[in-house]
């Protein structure tokens, strides 16, 4: 049977539509687990980019960092908690709420006896594409005292991913990263200047790739015109900062609601500087911004037109681990 000339165009259009649908599903919906957090590292290093393109096991190049503090942490006392505080002798958390620029900002002031209690976790305890969970769910699975959303590494094909001393992705995206070292200190690096392997060798325990840096050496590091991608000037925000040795702040600002406008990067940086941050870094914001304290969602995430948690790739948390 002879197919009419226009029939080829229809078949081609249907094939193109099906292929486009598959690409969209592969990018945003189909889960691909490359490795499970805590697995034994691979015997050979493989290219992260090649692994992701072929959907094979991705890079894991180092044993989890086993560095320990110079002194063994004191035995935790029986926790003393209120709706806004937690203290057990090793970990102290105090929540405060600020109101500025028509925006509600939640600040968790954190003091630790050891950097071991500043940790990260992956959704479903796995590294991969389209692997997501709500911050509250991940926090529960690792018994987190406090948790915020991380950098949503799964939304990108590049950008370093080091979590709890294990290197999962070494493909540079040329971005500005936050490095959390084994001693709990913070550093800001550009991926064009140093490899992920070099960071790991220098003692990096966690590397978060979102940005930009908000405060460096106590000075505001962004201008009033800086913004993330095509984001609006005022947005929900998540940030982490260090004030002094083992003294941190976790910050989430609500936005895009009738009750809370949100902040620009410069406004967020100015606030973080005002509360004493020496180094502060912008994490994934918008509908991802979320803070969980003792199992309770603290803020009001704006997810589209409703207030609800968005599922994300990872969290930064305070706790003793799962």
Foldseek 3Di string as FASTA:
>chain_A
DDDDPVNVVVVVVVVVVVVVVVVVCVQAPDWQFQWFAPDDFDPDADAQLVCQVVSHRFHWDDDQDPDWDPDDQDDFADWDDDPAWIGTRFKTWGWDWDADPLWIKIKIKIFGPALLQWFKAWAVRTDTANRWDFQLVRCVVWVFQKKKAFALCNNDSADWWAGSLITGHFHFPQAWKWFQFRRRDIDIDTCVVDTPVVSSVVGGRGIGGHWDKQAAQLHGDDDQPDAGDPDDQFAWWWKKFAQDRRIIMTMTMHDPDPRRHGHGSNVVSVVCSVVRGNIMTTHDTAQQTWMAHSSRTDDFRDDDPHTDHDIGTMMTGGDDTD
